[in-house]
Amino acid sequence: AYHALFHRRMLDCFAMNEANLAQYAASIARFRPRAIVSYVTSIVRLAQWINESGRPIEGVRSVVGAAEALHDFHRPLIEAAFPGAEVFNTYGCREFMLIASECEHHDGLHVNTDHLHVELLGAEPTLPSELAITDLSNYGMPFLRYMNGDLATAHVGGDCACGRALPRLGQVVGRKLDMIRSVDGRLLPGEFFPHMLKDVAGIRKFQVIQVQLD
């Protein structure tokens, strides 16, 4: 009833499986939403099913990915399933909710500096480094230079064409614990593997486990 008052419909991503994807697509088609906000993995899998079935869903204006990394190769999959929809990437975490998001120019992620102070702790801004976040509006449980374990890069370049003066992150590359370490001290981000395996025929799911350093 609460969501109905705001003209929203909630679909349970945790109950989604290969057998009921058609029901999820049908529910979205009936409701005809202007915007969809979803876990990235869930909307990508649903988009793949829609594309395979040849029944794109019209009328959606924007699809907002959340909670997981949105890779560039995800965008055309989603756009094909929802013709005319623009795909937006966001970054947030449970402690602060939305931290940064793309604008219509998709040139980095604008940081919500009206209530958050976000620092990149690395010496080289173009390389992934840990984030330290200070919440300026949480008076119940202050977070001062809180490190949530995420790694990101700074945006390098001029002002965004949208005219917003907010600082931007270049990209969020994952969690510190999601890095694969090499013997010579290099770090391989977890996002390397989706890019490496996305075009390999026959692979539907994968998991990478580093048992020991070598």
N, C-alpha and C. Protein backbone atom coordinates (compact mmCIF):
# COMPACT_ATOMS: atom_id res chain seq x y z
N ALA A 1 0.83 -1.21 0.00
CA ALA A 1 0.00 0.00 0.00
C ALA A 1 0.86 1.26 0.00
N TYR A 2 1.95 1.22 0.78
CA TYR A 2 2.86 2.37 0.85
C TYR A 2 3.43 2.70 -0.53
N HIS A 3 3.94 1.68 -1.23
CA HIS A 3 4.53 1.92 -2.54
C HIS A 3 3.46 2.29 -3.57
N ALA A 4 2.27 1.75 -3.43
CA ALA A 4 1.19 2.08 -4.36
C ALA A 4 0.83 3.56 -4.30
N LEU A 5 0.92 4.16 -3.11
CA LEU A 5 0.64 5.58 -2.97
C LEU A 5 1.61 6.42 -3.79
N PHE A 6 2.83 5.94 -3.96
CA PHE A 6 3.83 6.66 -4.75
C PHE A 6 3.90 6.14 -6.18
N HIS A 7 2.94 5.32 -6.55
CA HIS A 7 2.86 4.74 -7.90
C HIS A 7 4.14 3.96 -8.22
N ARG A 8 4.55 3.14 -7.27
CA ARG A 8 5.71 2.29 -7.45
C ARG A 8 5.29 0.83 -7.32
N ARG A 9 6.03 -0.04 -7.97
CA ARG A 9 5.81 -1.47 -7.82
C ARG A 9 7.14 -2.14 -7.50
N MET A 10 7.15 -2.96 -6.46
CA MET A 10 8.37 -3.63 -6.03
C MET A 10 8.35 -5.08 -6.53
N LEU A 11 9.45 -5.51 -7.13
CA LEU A 11 9.63 -6.90 -7.54
C LEU A 11 10.81 -7.47 -6.77
N ASP A 12 10.65 -8.67 -6.25
CA ASP A 12 11.65 -9.30 -5.39
C ASP A 12 12.74 -9.95 -6.23
N CYS A 13 13.91 -9.31 -6.30
CA CYS A 13 15.02 -9.86 -7.08
C CYS A 13 15.52 -11.18 -6.51
N PHE A 14 15.37 -11.36 -5.20
CA PHE A 14 15.89 -12.57 -4.57
C PHE A 14 15.05 -13.80 -4.92
N ALA A 15 13.83 -13.56 -5.39
CA ALA A 15 12.98 -14.69 -5.80
C ALA A 15 13.09 -14.96 -7.30
N MET A 16 13.86 -14.17 -8.01
CA MET A 16 13.98 -14.34 -9.46
C MET A 16 14.81 -15.57 -9.77
N ASN A 17 14.34 -16.38 -10.73
CA ASN A 17 15.10 -17.54 -11.18
C ASN A 17 14.80 -17.77 -12.66
N GLU A 18 15.47 -18.74 -13.24
CA GLU A 18 15.33 -18.98 -14.67
C GLU A 18 13.90 -19.35 -15.06
N ALA A 19 13.15 -19.93 -14.13
CA ALA A 19 11.80 -20.40 -14.45
C ALA A 19 10.76 -19.29 -14.45
N ASN A 20 11.03 -18.17 -13.75
CA ASN A 20 9.98 -17.15 -13.64
C ASN A 20 10.37 -15.80 -14.26
N LEU A 21 11.40 -15.77 -15.09
CA LEU A 21 11.80 -14.52 -15.72
C LEU A 21 10.68 -13.93 -16.57
N ALA A 22 9.91 -14.78 -17.22
CA ALA A 22 8.79 -14.30 -18.04
C ALA A 22 7.77 -13.54 -17.19
N GLN A 23 7.55 -13.99 -15.96
CA GLN A 23 6.60 -13.33 -15.08
C GLN A 23 7.10 -11.93 -14.69
N TYR A 24 8.40 -11.80 -14.47
CA TYR A 24 8.96 -10.50 -14.12
C TYR A 24 8.83 -9.54 -15.30
N ALA A 25 9.15 -10.03 -16.50
CA ALA A 25 9.03 -9.19 -17.69
C ALA A 25 7.59 -8.77 -17.92
N ALA A 26 6.65 -9.69 -17.73
CA ALA A 26 5.24 -9.39 -17.93
C ALA A 26 4.75 -8.36 -16.92
N SER A 27 5.21 -8.47 -15.69
CA SER A 27 4.80 -7.52 -14.65
C SER A 27 5.28 -6.11 -14.98
N ILE A 28 6.51 -6.00 -15.48
CA ILE A 28 7.03 -4.69 -15.86
C ILE A 28 6.26 -4.14 -17.06
N ALA A 29 5.99 -4.99 -18.04
CA ALA A 29 5.27 -4.55 -19.23
C ALA A 29 3.87 -4.06 -18.88
N ARG A 30 3.19 -4.73 -17.94
CA ARG A 30 1.84 -4.31 -17.54
C ARG A 30 1.87 -2.99 -16.78
N PHE A 31 2.85 -2.83 -15.92
CA PHE A 31 2.91 -1.63 -15.08
C PHE A 31 3.37 -0.41 -15.87
N ARG A 32 4.16 -0.61 -16.92
CA ARG A 32 4.65 0.45 -17.79
C ARG A 32 5.36 1.55 -16.99
N PRO A 33 6.43 1.21 -16.28
CA PRO A 33 7.14 2.22 -15.48
C PRO A 33 7.93 3.19 -16.35
N ARG A 34 8.10 4.41 -15.86
CA ARG A 34 8.98 5.35 -16.53
C ARG A 34 10.44 5.05 -16.18
N ALA A 35 10.66 4.55 -14.97
CA ALA A 35 12.03 4.29 -14.51
C ALA A 35 12.09 2.94 -13.80
N ILE A 36 13.21 2.28 -13.93
CA ILE A 36 13.47 1.03 -13.22
C ILE A 36 14.76 1.21 -12.42
N VAL A 37 14.71 0.88 -11.14
CA VAL A 37 15.90 0.86 -10.28
C VAL A 37 16.12 -0.59 -9.87
N SER A 38 17.32 -1.10 -10.10
CA SER A 38 17.52 -2.54 -9.88
C SER A 38 18.96 -2.85 -9.54
N TYR A 39 19.14 -3.98 -8.84
CA TYR A 39 20.47 -4.56 -8.75
C TYR A 39 20.96 -4.82 -10.17
N VAL A 40 22.23 -4.58 -10.41
CA VAL A 40 22.76 -4.69 -11.78
C VAL A 40 22.62 -6.12 -12.30
N THR A 41 23.02 -7.11 -11.51
CA THR A 41 22.97 -8.49 -11.97
C THR A 41 21.55 -8.89 -12.36
N SER A 42 20.58 -8.46 -11.58
CA SER A 42 19.18 -8.84 -11.84
C SER A 42 18.66 -8.24 -13.13
N ILE A 43 18.89 -6.95 -13.34
CA ILE A 43 18.35 -6.31 -14.54
C ILE A 43 19.10 -6.78 -15.79
N VAL A 44 20.38 -7.10 -15.66
CA VAL A 44 21.13 -7.62 -16.81
C VAL A 44 20.61 -8.99 -17.20
N ARG A 45 20.37 -9.85 -16.22
CA ARG A 45 19.86 -11.19 -16.55
C ARG A 45 18.46 -11.09 -17.15
N LEU A 46 17.61 -10.22 -16.60
CA LEU A 46 16.27 -10.06 -17.16
C LEU A 46 16.36 -9.49 -18.58
N ALA A 47 17.25 -8.54 -18.81
CA ALA A 47 17.43 -7.96 -20.14
C ALA A 47 17.87 -9.02 -21.14
N GLN A 48 18.77 -9.91 -20.71
CA GLN A 48 19.21 -10.99 -21.59
C GLN A 48 18.03 -11.86 -21.99
N TRP A 49 17.17 -12.19 -21.04
CA TRP A 49 16.00 -13.02 -21.34
C TRP A 49 15.05 -12.29 -22.30
N ILE A 50 14.82 -11.01 -22.05
CA ILE A 50 13.94 -10.23 -22.92
C ILE A 50 14.50 -10.20 -24.35
N ASN A 51 15.80 -9.99 -24.48
CA ASN A 51 16.42 -9.94 -25.81
C ASN A 51 16.33 -11.30 -26.51
N GLU A 52 16.55 -12.37 -25.74
CA GLU A 52 16.48 -13.71 -26.32
C GLU A 52 15.05 -14.05 -26.75
N SER A 53 14.06 -13.55 -26.02
CA SER A 53 12.67 -13.85 -26.35
C SER A 53 12.14 -12.97 -27.48
N GLY A 54 12.87 -11.89 -27.79
CA GLY A 54 12.45 -11.00 -28.86
C GLY A 54 11.23 -10.16 -28.53
N ARG A 55 11.03 -9.87 -27.23
CA ARG A 55 9.86 -9.08 -26.83
C ARG A 55 10.31 -7.88 -25.98
N PRO A 56 10.90 -6.86 -26.62
CA PRO A 56 11.36 -5.68 -25.86
C PRO A 56 10.20 -4.95 -25.20
N ILE A 57 10.49 -4.29 -24.09
CA ILE A 57 9.47 -3.58 -23.33
C ILE A 57 9.62 -2.08 -23.60
N GLU A 58 8.59 -1.48 -24.17
CA GLU A 58 8.60 -0.07 -24.54
C GLU A 58 8.15 0.80 -23.36
N GLY A 59 8.52 2.08 -23.44
CA GLY A 59 8.01 3.07 -22.50
C GLY A 59 8.91 3.41 -21.34
N VAL A 60 9.91 2.58 -21.06
CA VAL A 60 10.82 2.86 -19.95
C VAL A 60 11.79 3.95 -20.40
N ARG A 61 11.91 5.01 -19.60
CA ARG A 61 12.78 6.13 -19.96
C ARG A 61 14.18 6.00 -19.38
N SER A 62 14.29 5.39 -18.21
CA SER A 62 15.61 5.27 -17.59
C SER A 62 15.69 4.00 -16.76
N VAL A 63 16.87 3.41 -16.77
CA VAL A 63 17.18 2.24 -15.94
C VAL A 63 18.39 2.61 -15.08
N VAL A 64 18.23 2.51 -13.77
CA VAL A 64 19.27 2.90 -12.83
C VAL A 64 19.83 1.64 -12.18
N GLY A 65 21.11 1.40 -12.38
CA GLY A 65 21.77 0.26 -11.76
C GLY A 65 22.27 0.60 -10.38
N ALA A 66 22.17 -0.34 -9.46
CA ALA A 66 22.55 -0.08 -8.08
C ALA A 66 23.20 -1.32 -7.46
N ALA A 67 23.98 -1.08 -6.41
CA ALA A 67 24.52 -2.12 -5.52
C ALA A 67 25.66 -2.93 -6.10
N GLU A 68 25.86 -2.89 -7.41
CA GLU A 68 26.92 -3.65 -8.05
C GLU A 68 27.54 -2.83 -9.17
N ALA A 69 28.70 -3.27 -9.64
CA ALA A 69 29.36 -2.55 -10.72
C ALA A 69 28.56 -2.69 -12.02
N LEU A 70 28.33 -1.56 -12.68
CA LEU A 70 27.71 -1.55 -13.99
C LEU A 70 28.81 -1.39 -15.03
N HIS A 71 29.06 -2.43 -15.81
CA HIS A 71 30.11 -2.39 -16.82
C HIS A 71 29.57 -1.85 -18.13
N ASP A 72 30.47 -1.34 -18.96
CA ASP A 72 30.06 -0.76 -20.23
C ASP A 72 29.33 -1.76 -21.12
N PHE A 73 29.72 -3.04 -21.06
CA PHE A 73 29.06 -4.01 -21.92
C PHE A 73 27.67 -4.38 -21.43
N HIS A 74 27.31 -3.95 -20.22
CA HIS A 74 25.94 -4.15 -19.74
C HIS A 74 24.95 -3.20 -20.42
N ARG A 75 25.39 -2.01 -20.74
CA ARG A 75 24.49 -0.96 -21.22
C ARG A 75 23.73 -1.36 -22.50
N PRO A 76 24.43 -1.84 -23.55
CA PRO A 76 23.67 -2.20 -24.76
C PRO A 76 22.68 -3.34 -24.54
N LEU A 77 22.96 -4.26 -23.62
CA LEU A 77 22.02 -5.33 -23.31
C LEU A 77 20.72 -4.76 -22.74
N ILE A 78 20.88 -3.83 -21.79
CA ILE A 78 19.71 -3.23 -21.14
C ILE A 78 18.95 -2.33 -22.11
N GLU A 79 19.69 -1.55 -22.89
CA GLU A 79 19.06 -0.63 -23.84
C GLU A 79 18.28 -1.37 -24.92
N ALA A 80 18.79 -2.55 -25.32
CA ALA A 80 18.07 -3.34 -26.33
C ALA A 80 16.77 -3.90 -25.76
N ALA A 81 16.77 -4.27 -24.47
CA ALA A 81 15.57 -4.83 -23.85
C ALA A 81 14.52 -3.77 -23.58
N PHE A 82 14.98 -2.53 -23.32
CA PHE A 82 14.07 -1.42 -23.03
C PHE A 82 14.37 -0.28 -24.00
N PRO A 83 13.90 -0.38 -25.24
CA PRO A 83 14.23 0.62 -26.27
C PRO A 83 13.85 2.03 -25.84
N GLY A 84 14.77 2.96 -26.03
CA GLY A 84 14.53 4.34 -25.65
C GLY A 84 14.94 4.67 -24.23
N ALA A 85 15.30 3.67 -23.44
CA ALA A 85 15.70 3.90 -22.05
C ALA A 85 17.18 4.29 -21.98
N GLU A 86 17.49 5.19 -21.07
CA GLU A 86 18.86 5.60 -20.82
C GLU A 86 19.34 4.89 -19.55
N VAL A 87 20.53 4.33 -19.59
CA VAL A 87 21.06 3.55 -18.47
C VAL A 87 22.00 4.42 -17.64
N PHE A 88 21.78 4.45 -16.34
CA PHE A 88 22.58 5.27 -15.43
C PHE A 88 23.28 4.39 -14.40
N ASN A 89 24.52 4.75 -14.11
CA ASN A 89 25.29 4.06 -13.09
C ASN A 89 25.25 4.87 -11.80
N THR A 90 25.22 4.19 -10.67
CA THR A 90 25.25 4.86 -9.37
C THR A 90 26.24 4.15 -8.46
N TYR A 91 26.63 4.84 -7.40
CA TYR A 91 27.49 4.22 -6.39
C TYR A 91 26.97 4.61 -5.01
N GLY A 92 26.83 3.61 -4.16
CA GLY A 92 26.40 3.88 -2.80
C GLY A 92 26.77 2.72 -1.89
N CYS A 93 26.47 2.85 -0.62
CA CYS A 93 26.65 1.75 0.32
C CYS A 93 25.64 1.93 1.44
N ARG A 94 25.42 0.91 2.21
CA ARG A 94 24.36 0.92 3.20
C ARG A 94 24.58 2.00 4.26
N GLU A 95 25.84 2.31 4.57
CA GLU A 95 26.12 3.30 5.61
C GLU A 95 25.70 4.71 5.20
N PHE A 96 25.81 5.02 3.89
CA PHE A 96 25.55 6.39 3.43
C PHE A 96 24.44 6.46 2.38
N MET A 97 23.97 5.32 1.88
CA MET A 97 23.05 5.26 0.76
C MET A 97 23.73 5.84 -0.48
N LEU A 98 23.07 6.70 -1.25
CA LEU A 98 23.64 7.15 -2.52
C LEU A 98 24.83 8.08 -2.28
N ILE A 99 25.98 7.72 -2.85
CA ILE A 99 27.20 8.50 -2.71
C ILE A 99 27.49 9.30 -3.97
N ALA A 100 27.34 8.68 -5.12
CA ALA A 100 27.64 9.36 -6.38
C ALA A 100 26.80 8.74 -7.50
N SER A 101 26.57 9.51 -8.55
CA SER A 101 25.74 9.01 -9.64
C SER A 101 26.07 9.73 -10.94
N GLU A 102 25.75 9.05 -12.05
CA GLU A 102 25.94 9.64 -13.37
C GLU A 102 24.86 10.67 -13.67
N CYS A 103 25.22 11.67 -14.48
CA CYS A 103 24.22 12.57 -15.03
C CYS A 103 23.93 12.13 -16.46
N GLU A 104 23.23 12.96 -17.21
CA GLU A 104 22.83 12.58 -18.56
C GLU A 104 24.00 12.49 -19.54
N HIS A 105 25.18 12.98 -19.14
CA HIS A 105 26.34 12.92 -20.03
C HIS A 105 27.21 11.69 -19.77
N HIS A 106 26.94 10.96 -18.70
CA HIS A 106 27.64 9.70 -18.42
C HIS A 106 29.16 9.87 -18.43
N ASP A 107 29.61 10.96 -17.83
CA ASP A 107 31.04 11.28 -17.80
C ASP A 107 31.51 11.32 -16.35
N GLY A 108 31.63 10.14 -15.74
CA GLY A 108 31.99 10.06 -14.34
C GLY A 108 30.77 10.09 -13.44
N LEU A 109 31.03 9.95 -12.14
CA LEU A 109 29.96 9.89 -11.14
C LEU A 109 30.03 11.12 -10.25
N HIS A 110 28.98 11.94 -10.28
CA HIS A 110 28.93 13.15 -9.45
C HIS A 110 28.75 12.77 -7.98
N VAL A 111 29.60 13.31 -7.12
CA VAL A 111 29.55 13.01 -5.68
C VAL A 111 28.55 13.92 -4.99
N ASN A 112 27.76 13.34 -4.08
CA ASN A 112 26.76 14.11 -3.32
C ASN A 112 27.44 14.90 -2.19
N THR A 113 28.12 15.98 -2.58
CA THR A 113 28.89 16.73 -1.59
C THR A 113 28.02 17.62 -0.72
N ASP A 114 26.71 17.67 -0.97
CA ASP A 114 25.85 18.45 -0.08
C ASP A 114 25.77 17.82 1.30
N HIS A 115 26.03 16.51 1.39
CA HIS A 115 26.00 15.89 2.72
C HIS A 115 27.11 14.87 2.94
N LEU A 116 28.01 14.72 1.97
CA LEU A 116 29.13 13.78 2.14
C LEU A 116 30.43 14.44 1.72
N HIS A 117 31.49 14.13 2.44
CA HIS A 117 32.84 14.54 2.04
C HIS A 117 33.59 13.26 1.68
N VAL A 118 33.97 13.11 0.41
CA VAL A 118 34.58 11.88 -0.10
C VAL A 118 36.02 12.16 -0.47
N GLU A 119 36.94 11.35 0.08
CA GLU A 119 38.37 11.49 -0.21
C GLU A 119 38.90 10.22 -0.85
N LEU A 120 39.82 10.40 -1.79
CA LEU A 120 40.59 9.28 -2.35
C LEU A 120 41.96 9.33 -1.71
N LEU A 121 42.35 8.22 -1.10
CA LEU A 121 43.55 8.22 -0.26
C LEU A 121 44.83 7.92 -1.02
N GLY A 122 44.74 7.52 -2.28
CA GLY A 122 45.95 7.20 -3.04
C GLY A 122 46.68 8.43 -3.52
N ALA A 123 47.96 8.29 -3.79
CA ALA A 123 48.78 9.41 -4.25
C ALA A 123 48.51 9.73 -5.72
N GLU A 124 48.13 8.72 -6.50
CA GLU A 124 47.88 8.89 -7.93
C GLU A 124 46.38 8.80 -8.19
N PRO A 125 45.73 9.92 -8.56
CA PRO A 125 44.26 9.91 -8.69
C PRO A 125 43.71 9.00 -9.78
N THR A 126 44.51 8.71 -10.81
CA THR A 126 44.01 7.87 -11.89
C THR A 126 44.09 6.38 -11.57
N LEU A 127 44.77 6.03 -10.47
CA LEU A 127 44.87 4.64 -10.05
C LEU A 127 43.86 4.35 -8.95
N PRO A 128 43.33 3.13 -8.87
CA PRO A 128 42.37 2.81 -7.81
C PRO A 128 42.95 3.02 -6.43
N SER A 129 42.20 3.67 -5.57
CA SER A 129 42.62 3.88 -4.19
C SER A 129 41.41 3.81 -3.28
N GLU A 130 41.69 3.62 -2.00
CA GLU A 130 40.61 3.49 -1.03
C GLU A 130 39.88 4.81 -0.82
N LEU A 131 38.61 4.69 -0.50
CA LEU A 131 37.78 5.85 -0.20
C LEU A 131 37.69 6.08 1.30
N ALA A 132 37.69 7.34 1.70
CA ALA A 132 37.39 7.72 3.08
C ALA A 132 36.22 8.69 3.02
N ILE A 133 35.14 8.37 3.71
CA ILE A 133 33.89 9.13 3.56
C ILE A 133 33.47 9.68 4.92
N THR A 134 33.14 10.97 4.93
CA THR A 134 32.62 11.62 6.13
C THR A 134 31.18 12.05 5.87
N ASP A 135 30.28 11.62 6.74
CA ASP A 135 28.86 11.94 6.62
C ASP A 135 28.59 13.24 7.38
N LEU A 136 28.09 14.26 6.68
CA LEU A 136 27.89 15.57 7.29
C LEU A 136 26.49 15.74 7.89
N SER A 137 25.62 14.74 7.72
CA SER A 137 24.24 14.90 8.20
C SER A 137 23.78 13.81 9.15
N ASN A 138 24.65 12.87 9.50
CA ASN A 138 24.27 11.78 10.39
C ASN A 138 24.69 12.16 11.82
N TYR A 139 23.74 12.64 12.60
CA TYR A 139 24.03 13.05 13.97
C TYR A 139 23.84 11.91 14.97
N GLY A 140 23.25 10.81 14.54
CA GLY A 140 23.03 9.68 15.43
C GLY A 140 24.25 8.80 15.57
N MET A 141 24.95 8.55 14.44
CA MET A 141 26.16 7.73 14.45
C MET A 141 27.15 8.34 13.47
N PRO A 142 27.95 9.31 13.91
CA PRO A 142 28.86 10.00 12.99
C PRO A 142 29.88 9.05 12.34
N PHE A 143 30.11 9.25 11.05
CA PHE A 143 31.16 8.55 10.33
C PHE A 143 32.18 9.59 9.87
N LEU A 144 33.38 9.52 10.42
CA LEU A 144 34.43 10.48 10.10
C LEU A 144 35.57 9.76 9.39
N ARG A 145 35.78 10.12 8.12
CA ARG A 145 36.81 9.47 7.29
C ARG A 145 36.68 7.95 7.37
N TYR A 146 35.46 7.51 7.20
CA TYR A 146 35.12 6.08 7.29
C TYR A 146 35.57 5.38 6.02
N MET A 147 36.30 4.28 6.17
CA MET A 147 36.79 3.50 5.04
C MET A 147 35.94 2.25 4.91
N ASN A 148 35.14 2.17 3.84
CA ASN A 148 34.22 1.06 3.67
C ASN A 148 34.81 -0.09 2.86
N GLY A 149 36.07 0.05 2.44
CA GLY A 149 36.72 -1.03 1.71
C GLY A 149 36.60 -0.93 0.20
N ASP A 150 35.90 0.10 -0.31
CA ASP A 150 35.75 0.26 -1.75
C ASP A 150 36.94 1.00 -2.35
N LEU A 151 37.19 0.72 -3.62
CA LEU A 151 38.28 1.35 -4.36
C LEU A 151 37.70 2.11 -5.55
N ALA A 152 38.23 3.30 -5.78
CA ALA A 152 37.72 4.13 -6.88
C ALA A 152 38.85 4.97 -7.45
N THR A 153 38.58 5.58 -8.60
CA THR A 153 39.51 6.52 -9.21
C THR A 153 38.85 7.88 -9.29
N ALA A 154 39.68 8.92 -9.35
CA ALA A 154 39.17 10.27 -9.53
C ALA A 154 38.89 10.52 -11.01
N HIS A 155 37.94 11.38 -11.29
CA HIS A 155 37.70 11.76 -12.68
C HIS A 155 38.75 12.77 -13.11
N VAL A 156 39.34 12.55 -14.25
CA VAL A 156 40.37 13.45 -14.77
C VAL A 156 39.81 14.16 -16.00
N GLY A 157 39.86 15.47 -16.00
CA GLY A 157 39.33 16.23 -17.12
C GLY A 157 38.68 17.51 -16.65
N GLY A 158 38.06 18.21 -17.57
CA GLY A 158 37.43 19.48 -17.25
C GLY A 158 36.07 19.31 -16.62
N ASP A 159 35.35 20.42 -16.55
CA ASP A 159 34.01 20.41 -15.96
C ASP A 159 33.06 19.58 -16.81
N CYS A 160 32.06 19.03 -16.16
CA CYS A 160 31.06 18.23 -16.87
C CYS A 160 30.18 19.14 -17.71
N ALA A 161 29.78 18.65 -18.87
CA ALA A 161 28.96 19.43 -19.79
C ALA A 161 27.58 19.75 -19.21
N CYS A 162 27.18 19.04 -18.15
CA CYS A 162 25.87 19.28 -17.56
C CYS A 162 25.84 20.59 -16.76
N GLY A 163 27.02 21.13 -16.42
CA GLY A 163 27.08 22.38 -15.68
C GLY A 163 27.12 22.22 -14.17
N ARG A 164 26.96 21.00 -13.69
CA ARG A 164 27.03 20.78 -12.24
C ARG A 164 28.49 20.89 -11.78
N ALA A 165 28.70 21.55 -10.67
CA ALA A 165 30.05 21.77 -10.17
C ALA A 165 30.49 20.70 -9.17
N LEU A 166 29.73 19.64 -9.05
CA LEU A 166 30.06 18.59 -8.09
C LEU A 166 31.32 17.85 -8.54
N PRO A 167 32.20 17.48 -7.60
CA PRO A 167 33.36 16.66 -7.98
C PRO A 167 32.89 15.29 -8.46
N ARG A 168 33.74 14.63 -9.25
CA ARG A 168 33.34 13.35 -9.83
C ARG A 168 34.36 12.26 -9.56
N LEU A 169 33.84 11.06 -9.39
CA LEU A 169 34.66 9.86 -9.41
C LEU A 169 34.75 9.37 -10.85
N GLY A 170 35.92 8.84 -11.22
CA GLY A 170 36.04 8.28 -12.55
C GLY A 170 35.27 6.98 -12.66
N GLN A 171 35.58 6.05 -11.78
CA GLN A 171 34.85 4.79 -11.70
C GLN A 171 35.11 4.14 -10.36
N VAL A 172 34.18 3.31 -9.95
CA VAL A 172 34.34 2.50 -8.74
C VAL A 172 34.73 1.10 -9.22
N VAL A 173 35.90 0.65 -8.82
CA VAL A 173 36.45 -0.58 -9.40
C VAL A 173 36.22 -1.81 -8.53
N GLY A 174 35.59 -1.64 -7.39
CA GLY A 174 35.28 -2.81 -6.57
C GLY A 174 35.77 -2.68 -5.15
N ARG A 175 35.76 -3.78 -4.46
CA ARG A 175 36.17 -3.81 -3.07
C ARG A 175 37.62 -4.23 -2.93
N LYS A 176 38.25 -3.76 -1.89
CA LYS A 176 39.63 -4.13 -1.63
C LYS A 176 39.77 -5.64 -1.52
N LEU A 177 38.78 -6.29 -0.90
CA LEU A 177 38.82 -7.74 -0.73
C LEU A 177 38.56 -8.49 -2.03
N ASP A 178 38.08 -7.78 -3.06
CA ASP A 178 37.81 -8.41 -4.35
C ASP A 178 39.03 -8.40 -5.27
N MET A 179 40.15 -7.92 -4.76
CA MET A 179 41.36 -7.86 -5.57
C MET A 179 42.11 -9.20 -5.54
N ILE A 180 42.67 -9.58 -6.68
CA ILE A 180 43.57 -10.73 -6.75
C ILE A 180 44.99 -10.20 -6.68
N ARG A 181 45.78 -10.71 -5.77
CA ARG A 181 47.15 -10.23 -5.60
C ARG A 181 48.13 -11.16 -6.31
N SER A 182 49.15 -10.55 -6.91
CA SER A 182 50.20 -11.33 -7.57
C SER A 182 51.42 -11.43 -6.67
N VAL A 183 52.30 -12.34 -7.00
CA VAL A 183 53.50 -12.56 -6.18
C VAL A 183 54.37 -11.31 -6.15
N ASP A 184 54.40 -10.56 -7.26
CA ASP A 184 55.26 -9.37 -7.31
C ASP A 184 54.58 -8.12 -6.76
N GLY A 185 53.43 -8.29 -6.10
CA GLY A 185 52.79 -7.17 -5.41
C GLY A 185 51.74 -6.43 -6.18
N ARG A 186 51.46 -6.83 -7.42
CA ARG A 186 50.42 -6.16 -8.20
C ARG A 186 49.03 -6.58 -7.75
N LEU A 187 48.06 -5.69 -8.03
CA LEU A 187 46.66 -5.96 -7.69
C LEU A 187 45.85 -6.05 -8.97
N LEU A 188 45.09 -7.13 -9.12
CA LEU A 188 44.23 -7.32 -10.28
C LEU A 188 42.79 -7.15 -9.82
N PRO A 189 42.10 -6.08 -10.26
CA PRO A 189 40.73 -5.84 -9.78
C PRO A 189 39.77 -6.92 -10.24
N GLY A 190 38.74 -7.16 -9.43
CA GLY A 190 37.77 -8.19 -9.75
C GLY A 190 37.05 -7.96 -11.06
N GLU A 191 36.93 -6.68 -11.49
CA GLU A 191 36.22 -6.38 -12.73
C GLU A 191 36.97 -6.88 -13.97
N PHE A 192 38.24 -7.29 -13.81
CA PHE A 192 38.99 -7.84 -14.94
C PHE A 192 38.32 -9.08 -15.51
N PHE A 193 37.77 -9.90 -14.63
CA PHE A 193 37.25 -11.20 -15.05
C PHE A 193 35.97 -11.12 -15.85
N PRO A 194 34.99 -10.24 -15.51
CA PRO A 194 33.83 -10.11 -16.39
C PRO A 194 34.22 -9.67 -17.80
N HIS A 195 35.18 -8.77 -17.91
CA HIS A 195 35.62 -8.32 -19.23
C HIS A 195 36.31 -9.46 -19.98
N MET A 196 37.07 -10.27 -19.28
CA MET A 196 37.81 -11.35 -19.93
C MET A 196 36.87 -12.46 -20.38
N LEU A 197 35.82 -12.74 -19.61
CA LEU A 197 35.00 -13.92 -19.85
C LEU A 197 33.66 -13.62 -20.53
N LYS A 198 33.30 -12.34 -20.69
CA LYS A 198 31.95 -12.02 -21.19
C LYS A 198 31.69 -12.53 -22.60
N ASP A 199 32.72 -12.65 -23.42
CA ASP A 199 32.52 -13.07 -24.80
C ASP A 199 32.91 -14.52 -25.05
N VAL A 200 33.20 -15.26 -23.98
CA VAL A 200 33.58 -16.67 -24.13
C VAL A 200 32.31 -17.51 -24.22
N ALA A 201 32.12 -18.18 -25.34
CA ALA A 201 30.91 -18.97 -25.53
C ALA A 201 30.84 -20.11 -24.51
N GLY A 202 29.63 -20.33 -23.98
CA GLY A 202 29.42 -21.45 -23.07
C GLY A 202 29.53 -21.12 -21.61
N ILE A 203 30.09 -19.96 -21.26
CA ILE A 203 30.23 -19.59 -19.84
C ILE A 203 29.02 -18.76 -19.42
N ARG A 204 28.28 -19.28 -18.46
CA ARG A 204 27.12 -18.56 -17.93
C ARG A 204 27.39 -17.95 -16.57
N LYS A 205 28.16 -18.66 -15.74
CA LYS A 205 28.53 -18.15 -14.42
C LYS A 205 29.97 -18.53 -14.14
N PHE A 206 30.63 -17.74 -13.31
CA PHE A 206 32.00 -18.08 -12.94
C PHE A 206 32.29 -17.57 -11.53
N GLN A 207 33.29 -18.14 -10.93
CA GLN A 207 33.76 -17.70 -9.61
C GLN A 207 35.27 -17.83 -9.58
N VAL A 208 35.94 -16.80 -9.09
CA VAL A 208 37.39 -16.81 -9.00
C VAL A 208 37.78 -16.84 -7.53
N ILE A 209 38.59 -17.81 -7.16
CA ILE A 209 39.05 -17.97 -5.77
C ILE A 209 40.56 -18.00 -5.76
N GLN A 210 41.17 -17.13 -4.96
CA GLN A 210 42.62 -17.18 -4.77
C GLN A 210 42.90 -17.91 -3.46
N VAL A 211 43.43 -19.10 -3.59
CA VAL A 211 43.66 -19.94 -2.42
C VAL A 211 44.89 -19.47 -1.64
N GLN A 212 45.95 -19.11 -2.35
CA GLN A 212 47.14 -18.59 -1.71
C GLN A 212 47.82 -17.64 -2.67
N LEU A 213 48.83 -16.92 -2.21
CA LEU A 213 49.41 -15.82 -2.99
C LEU A 213 49.94 -16.26 -4.34
N ASP A 214 50.54 -17.44 -4.40
CA ASP A 214 51.15 -17.89 -5.65
C ASP A 214 50.22 -18.79 -6.47
